[in-house]
Structures are given as C-alpha cells and as structure tokens.
Amino acid sequence: MEQVKRERTKPQGRVEIREDECKGCGYCIAECPQKVLVFSKAFNRMGYHPSLYLGDGCTGCGICFYACPEPGAIAVFKSVPAR
C-alpha cells in the first residue's frame, strides 16, 4: 500500500470585529503579531474609527481578543487542518 505524505499547514484563523462595539483604541492592532488588523477609514455609529481585519494571515492566536478592553468587540476563530 502506498503511503501519501500530507503536508502539514499552519492553523489558520479569522477575526470578527463588531464594528459598533469597537472604540478605536488600537490595542488589538498594536498587539497583533501577524499585523493583520488596521484602523478602518470609515467611522462607526459612535464616531470612532474601528479596527478592521484585512481578511488574510490570521493564525487564530487570540492576542487581539485579550488585548481588547471592550467585552464582545472581537471574536477569534481558529480552524485546525484536517489530518
């Protein structure tokens, strides 16, 4: 029986930011090791420039989640590669 080698990939993640909960403090942007968060150019309904996920490159580490002082403003999801 022939064995197939599967290439292991890094776990990927994604960040969801509740735009109207974000106060634009920038803690998540400053702490993100992958630098995948930036300030939005648009204002949210509270008049802040919220953080924005660039859409690619997140590893799901969760550092942004723990850096954020606003409960519920950031959610981090991590997907584990299939074996």
Protein backbone atom coordinates (compact mmCIF):
# COMPACT_ATOMS: atom_id res chain seq x y z
CA MET A 1 0.00 0.00 0.00
CA GLU A 2 1.35 3.37 -0.99
CA GLN A 3 1.54 5.98 1.74
CA VAL A 4 0.69 9.53 0.86
CA LYS A 5 2.55 12.24 2.71
CA ARG A 6 0.34 15.10 3.69
CA GLU A 7 1.87 18.48 4.08
CA ARG A 8 1.03 19.97 7.45
CA THR A 9 -0.05 23.55 7.26
CA LYS A 10 -0.20 26.18 9.94
CA PRO A 11 -3.56 26.50 11.61
CA GLN A 12 -5.48 29.38 10.13
CA GLY A 13 -7.81 31.74 11.88
CA ARG A 14 -10.02 34.69 11.32
CA VAL A 15 -11.07 37.71 13.32
CA GLU A 16 -14.52 39.20 13.51
CA ILE A 17 -14.82 42.72 14.88
CA ARG A 18 -18.16 44.10 15.95
CA GLU A 19 -17.70 47.49 14.39
CA ASP A 20 -20.18 49.34 16.61
CA GLU A 21 -18.64 47.91 19.80
CA CYS A 22 -15.09 48.97 18.89
CA LYS A 23 -13.88 52.23 20.48
CA GLY A 24 -10.86 52.55 18.18
CA CYS A 25 -8.26 52.31 20.96
CA GLY A 26 -5.85 50.37 18.71
CA TYR A 27 -4.69 47.90 21.37
CA CYS A 28 -5.57 44.94 19.16
CA ILE A 29 -3.73 46.50 16.20
CA ALA A 30 -0.61 47.15 18.27
CA GLU A 31 -0.54 43.65 19.77
CA CYS A 32 -1.29 41.57 16.66
CA PRO A 33 1.90 39.61 15.85
CA GLN A 34 0.74 38.96 12.26
CA LYS A 35 -0.15 42.65 11.64
CA VAL A 36 -3.49 41.76 10.04
CA LEU A 37 -5.52 44.46 11.81
CA VAL A 38 -5.72 48.11 10.80
CA PHE A 39 -7.91 51.12 11.52
CA SER A 40 -10.91 51.48 9.26
CA LYS A 41 -11.10 54.73 7.31
CA ALA A 42 -14.85 54.87 7.99
CA PHE A 43 -16.45 55.89 11.27
CA ASN A 44 -18.74 53.58 13.23
CA ARG A 45 -22.06 54.80 14.64
CA MET A 46 -20.29 56.03 17.78
CA GLY A 47 -17.87 58.21 15.79
CA TYR A 48 -14.76 56.03 16.17
CA HIS A 49 -12.52 54.52 13.53
CA PRO A 50 -12.93 50.82 14.42
CA SER A 51 -10.35 48.13 13.85
CA LEU A 52 -10.61 46.20 10.62
CA TYR A 53 -9.38 42.67 9.80
CA LEU A 54 -7.52 42.59 6.48
CA GLY A 55 -9.02 39.19 5.67
CA ASP A 56 -5.94 37.00 5.45
CA GLY A 57 -2.97 35.97 7.55
CA CYS A 58 -4.60 35.42 10.94
CA THR A 59 -3.26 32.42 12.86
CA GLY A 60 -6.02 32.47 15.47
CA CYS A 61 -3.65 33.21 18.35
CA GLY A 62 -6.23 35.33 20.19
CA ILE A 63 -3.85 38.05 21.35
CA CYS A 64 -6.11 40.74 19.91
CA PHE A 65 -9.05 39.29 21.84
CA TYR A 66 -7.19 39.53 25.14
CA ALA A 67 -5.81 43.00 24.37
CA CYS A 68 -9.26 44.44 23.69
CA PRO A 69 -10.83 46.26 26.67
CA GLU A 70 -14.34 46.07 25.17
CA PRO A 71 -16.08 42.77 26.01
CA GLY A 72 -17.57 41.22 22.92
CA ALA A 73 -15.97 43.57 20.39
CA ILE A 74 -13.59 40.93 18.97
CA ALA A 75 -14.10 37.24 18.27
CA VAL A 76 -11.29 34.98 17.07
CA PHE A 77 -11.92 31.72 15.29
CA LYS A 78 -9.28 29.08 14.69
CA SER A 79 -9.51 26.25 12.19
CA VAL A 80 -7.39 23.17 12.62
CA PRO A 81 -6.15 21.46 9.44
CA ALA A 82 -7.60 18.00 8.72
CA ARG A 83 -5.33 15.06 9.39
